[in-house]
Amino acid sequence: MNYFHCPEAQTTPVGNLSVVVDNAVAWWDQEAPSTSVADGYGCAYANTYVASGAGYRTIYDALFEGSFTGNIDSLTVRAYATLLVGQVRAPAQITVHLGIDGVSMFGEDASATGDPAPGIGTVEVTPQAQENGLSLVEFTITGLGFTQEDGEGAVEHDVQLTLNAWDEVVNLFVLDVIEAPSSLEFNSATPADAALAATTPGPSVA
């Protein structure tokens, strides 16, 4: 399991990362959060209720970057969120960019300038209510195709991920506190029910 942590660019406790902080990119490692929002820790990406931006660094999306060593066939995101009033158990349309080693897993789209930009994947997720009032947004991206190595593999891959929920269900994506241990898991043995498949997978073994 890999847990999301607040960007180094964040300078205030319980910071809102969208728009306010330049290049506010969260990262991950295998250390679970150990501090609480009650003590002023944690951060969140506010949903902007507009479509995903063009690329991996935009003010409209929650941004994550890191690495993983080994074969990658799937990626499961488990993000804790607050919802807008009246939206409990309402399905949310989650849009994602996912790049591995510079390859977009959803092809390419044209940006506003006409230049190529990473394509977008969409998955419908029903948030799962938690006892602490947050909701869990969970989905799996399958068929990533970076499975060309024998065994578990030993090559380190660079991974870029963005999240956006433009349909006015999700309010905040919360991370890096014990109340909201948002995470991602590569090659999970227990993938989420909600799933979408990569359209331009990597170089798997034939």
Protein backbone atom coordinates (compact mmCIF):
# COMPACT_ATOMS: atom_id res chain seq x y z
CA MET A 1 0.00 0.00 0.00
CA ASN A 2 1.22 3.49 -0.86
CA TYR A 3 -0.16 6.45 1.09
CA PHE A 4 -0.54 9.99 -0.27
CA HIS A 5 1.33 12.77 1.53
CA CYS A 6 0.98 16.54 1.38
CA PRO A 7 3.22 18.38 -1.10
CA GLU A 8 6.36 20.07 0.13
CA ALA A 9 4.96 23.26 -1.43
CA GLN A 10 2.26 23.34 1.26
CA THR A 11 3.15 25.94 3.91
CA THR A 12 0.03 26.01 6.11
CA PRO A 13 -1.59 23.25 8.20
CA VAL A 14 -4.80 21.73 6.85
CA GLY A 15 -4.03 23.43 3.57
CA ASN A 16 -6.31 23.61 0.54
CA LEU A 17 -4.03 22.70 -2.37
CA SER A 18 -6.18 23.64 -5.35
CA VAL A 19 -5.34 26.91 -7.06
CA VAL A 20 -3.63 28.38 -3.98
CA VAL A 21 -0.30 26.55 -4.03
CA ASP A 22 1.80 26.51 -7.21
CA ASN A 23 2.86 23.03 -8.33
CA ALA A 24 1.07 21.46 -5.35
CA VAL A 25 1.78 17.85 -6.22
CA ALA A 26 1.19 15.19 -3.58
CA TRP A 27 3.49 12.17 -3.38
CA TRP A 28 3.37 8.69 -1.89
CA ASP A 29 5.33 6.12 0.09
CA GLN A 30 4.49 3.09 2.23
CA GLU A 31 4.32 4.99 5.52
CA ALA A 32 0.74 5.45 6.72
CA PRO A 33 -0.29 8.84 8.14
CA SER A 34 0.24 9.14 11.91
CA THR A 35 -1.14 12.61 12.64
CA SER A 36 -4.68 13.96 12.97
CA VAL A 37 -6.62 16.80 11.38
CA ALA A 38 -7.65 17.72 14.93
CA ASP A 39 -4.03 18.72 15.57
CA GLY A 40 -3.80 20.83 12.41
CA TYR A 41 -2.32 18.27 10.02
CA GLY A 42 -3.40 17.11 6.58
CA CYS A 43 -4.33 18.75 3.32
CA ALA A 44 -7.02 18.59 0.67
CA TYR A 45 -7.66 19.29 -2.97
CA ALA A 46 -10.87 21.27 -3.47
CA ASN A 47 -13.02 20.15 -6.36
CA THR A 48 -13.41 22.95 -8.91
CA TYR A 49 -16.52 21.52 -10.68
CA VAL A 50 -15.05 22.01 -14.13
CA ALA A 51 -13.63 19.43 -16.51
CA SER A 52 -10.12 18.08 -15.97
CA GLY A 53 -7.30 20.28 -17.13
CA ALA A 54 -4.96 19.40 -19.98
CA GLY A 55 -2.01 17.53 -18.51
CA TYR A 56 -0.58 16.41 -15.21
CA ARG A 57 -0.07 19.90 -13.67
CA THR A 58 -3.29 21.93 -13.64
CA ILE A 59 -5.24 23.97 -11.10
CA TYR A 60 -8.39 21.95 -11.77
CA ASP A 61 -7.31 18.50 -10.58
CA ALA A 62 -5.87 16.70 -7.57
CA LEU A 63 -2.25 15.96 -8.51
CA PHE A 64 -0.08 13.00 -7.51
CA GLU A 65 3.38 11.89 -8.63
CA GLY A 66 5.69 9.10 -7.51
CA SER A 67 7.34 5.88 -8.55
CA PHE A 68 6.87 2.14 -8.31
CA THR A 69 9.39 -0.65 -8.78
CA GLY A 70 8.15 -3.76 -10.54
CA ASN A 71 5.53 -4.84 -13.05
CA ILE A 72 2.32 -2.76 -13.16
CA ASP A 73 -0.88 -4.38 -14.40
CA SER A 74 -3.41 -2.40 -12.34
CA LEU A 75 -3.67 0.54 -9.97
CA THR A 76 -6.32 0.94 -7.26
CA VAL A 77 -7.07 4.40 -5.88
CA ARG A 78 -8.69 4.78 -2.46
CA ALA A 79 -9.32 8.49 -1.84
CA TYR A 80 -11.20 9.87 1.15
CA ALA A 81 -13.49 12.78 0.38
CA THR A 82 -16.08 15.16 1.72
CA LEU A 83 -19.30 15.39 -0.28
CA LEU A 84 -21.63 18.26 -0.96
CA VAL A 85 -24.78 18.40 1.16
CA GLY A 86 -27.41 15.97 -0.08
CA GLN A 87 -24.96 13.92 -2.16
CA VAL A 88 -24.42 10.96 0.21
CA ARG A 89 -24.42 7.75 -1.84
CA ALA A 90 -24.89 9.70 -5.08
CA PRO A 91 -22.69 8.31 -7.87
CA ALA A 92 -19.74 10.50 -8.81
CA GLN A 93 -18.14 10.76 -12.23
CA ILE A 94 -14.39 10.62 -11.60
CA THR A 95 -12.04 11.64 -14.41
CA VAL A 96 -8.37 10.70 -14.33
CA HIS A 97 -5.13 11.20 -16.16
CA LEU A 98 -2.59 8.42 -15.69
CA GLY A 99 0.90 8.47 -17.14
CA ILE A 100 3.55 5.78 -16.67
CA ASP A 101 7.07 6.51 -17.89
CA GLY A 102 5.70 9.32 -20.00
CA VAL A 103 3.03 7.16 -21.68
CA SER A 104 -0.58 8.25 -21.22
CA MET A 105 -2.75 5.26 -20.35
CA PHE A 106 -5.73 6.93 -22.05
CA GLY A 107 -4.18 8.09 -25.28
CA GLU A 108 -3.92 11.74 -26.27
CA ASP A 109 -6.36 14.62 -26.64
CA ALA A 110 -5.84 18.08 -28.09
CA SER A 111 -5.26 20.86 -25.54
CA ALA A 112 -6.76 24.34 -25.80
CA THR A 113 -3.69 25.37 -27.81
CA GLY A 114 -4.07 22.42 -30.15
CA ASP A 115 -1.00 20.65 -28.76
CA PRO A 116 -1.23 16.97 -27.75
CA ALA A 117 -2.26 16.40 -24.14
CA PRO A 118 -2.77 13.24 -22.07
CA GLY A 119 -6.15 11.63 -22.60
CA ILE A 120 -8.76 11.27 -19.88
CA GLY A 121 -10.38 8.16 -18.41
CA THR A 122 -13.79 8.28 -16.70
CA VAL A 123 -15.29 5.96 -14.10
CA GLU A 124 -18.54 6.14 -12.11
CA VAL A 125 -17.99 5.59 -8.39
CA THR A 126 -20.53 5.47 -5.57
CA PRO A 127 -18.78 6.97 -2.50
CA GLN A 128 -18.85 4.74 0.57
CA ALA A 129 -19.89 6.53 3.79
CA GLN A 130 -17.41 6.21 6.67
CA GLU A 131 -18.09 6.48 10.41
CA ASN A 132 -16.10 9.71 10.69
CA GLY A 133 -18.30 11.51 8.17
CA LEU A 134 -15.95 11.18 5.21
CA SER A 135 -16.64 9.04 2.15
CA LEU A 136 -14.35 6.60 0.38
CA VAL A 137 -13.96 6.98 -3.39
CA GLU A 138 -12.45 3.73 -4.67
CA PHE A 139 -11.74 2.51 -8.19
CA THR A 140 -9.24 0.38 -10.14
CA ILE A 141 -7.54 1.11 -13.46
CA THR A 142 -6.86 -2.19 -15.22
CA GLY A 143 -4.85 -3.43 -18.18
CA LEU A 144 -1.89 -1.10 -17.68
CA GLY A 145 0.40 -3.56 -19.43
CA PHE A 146 3.78 -2.83 -17.84
CA THR A 147 4.29 -6.55 -17.27
CA GLN A 148 7.25 -7.36 -19.49
CA GLU A 149 9.59 -8.45 -16.68
CA ASP A 150 9.87 -11.92 -15.19
CA GLY A 151 8.45 -12.36 -11.70
CA GLU A 152 7.47 -9.17 -9.91
CA GLY A 153 9.97 -7.11 -11.91
CA ALA A 154 12.77 -4.75 -10.86
CA VAL A 155 12.41 -1.69 -13.11
CA GLU A 156 11.43 1.59 -11.43
CA HIS A 157 8.54 3.37 -13.17
CA ASP A 158 7.59 7.05 -12.92
CA VAL A 159 3.86 7.51 -12.34
CA GLN A 160 1.68 10.62 -12.68
CA LEU A 161 -1.98 10.63 -11.63
CA THR A 162 -4.70 13.29 -11.50
CA LEU A 163 -8.24 13.09 -10.07
CA ASN A 164 -11.24 15.27 -10.81
CA ALA A 165 -14.94 15.00 -9.89
CA TRP A 166 -16.70 17.58 -12.02
CA ASP A 167 -20.33 16.63 -11.37
CA GLU A 168 -20.80 18.40 -8.03
CA VAL A 169 -20.78 15.35 -5.75
CA VAL A 170 -17.27 15.45 -4.26
CA ASN A 171 -16.25 18.61 -2.40
CA LEU A 172 -12.71 17.82 -1.17
CA PHE A 173 -10.19 15.01 -1.63
CA VAL A 174 -8.52 14.71 1.81
CA LEU A 175 -5.13 13.11 2.54
CA ASP A 176 -2.22 12.60 4.91
CA VAL A 177 -4.11 12.22 8.22
CA ILE A 178 -5.22 9.16 10.18
CA GLU A 179 -8.86 10.09 9.50
CA ALA A 180 -8.22 10.00 5.74
CA PRO A 181 -5.41 7.60 4.78
CA SER A 182 -5.91 8.12 1.05
CA SER A 183 -3.77 5.73 -0.93
CA LEU A 184 -3.06 3.83 -4.09
CA GLU A 185 -2.12 0.20 -4.52
CA PHE A 186 -0.39 -1.38 -7.48
CA ASN A 187 -1.56 -4.84 -8.61
CA SER A 188 -4.06 -5.15 -5.77
CA ALA A 189 -5.35 -8.61 -4.90
CA THR A 190 -8.66 -6.94 -3.94
CA PRO A 191 -9.48 -4.49 -6.77
CA ALA A 192 -12.43 -2.13 -6.47
CA ASP A 193 -15.83 -2.90 -7.96
CA ALA A 194 -15.68 0.34 -9.96
CA ALA A 195 -13.11 -0.04 -12.72
CA LEU A 196 -11.93 1.37 -16.03
CA ALA A 197 -9.45 -0.08 -18.49
CA ALA A 198 -6.43 1.63 -19.99
CA THR A 199 -6.85 2.33 -23.68
CA THR A 200 -3.13 2.62 -24.51
CA PRO A 201 -1.39 0.09 -22.24
CA GLY A 202 2.34 -0.32 -21.85
CA PRO A 203 4.68 -2.95 -23.34
CA SER A 204 3.39 -6.21 -21.85
CA VAL A 205 4.80 -9.60 -22.74
CA ALA A 206 3.06 -11.02 -25.79
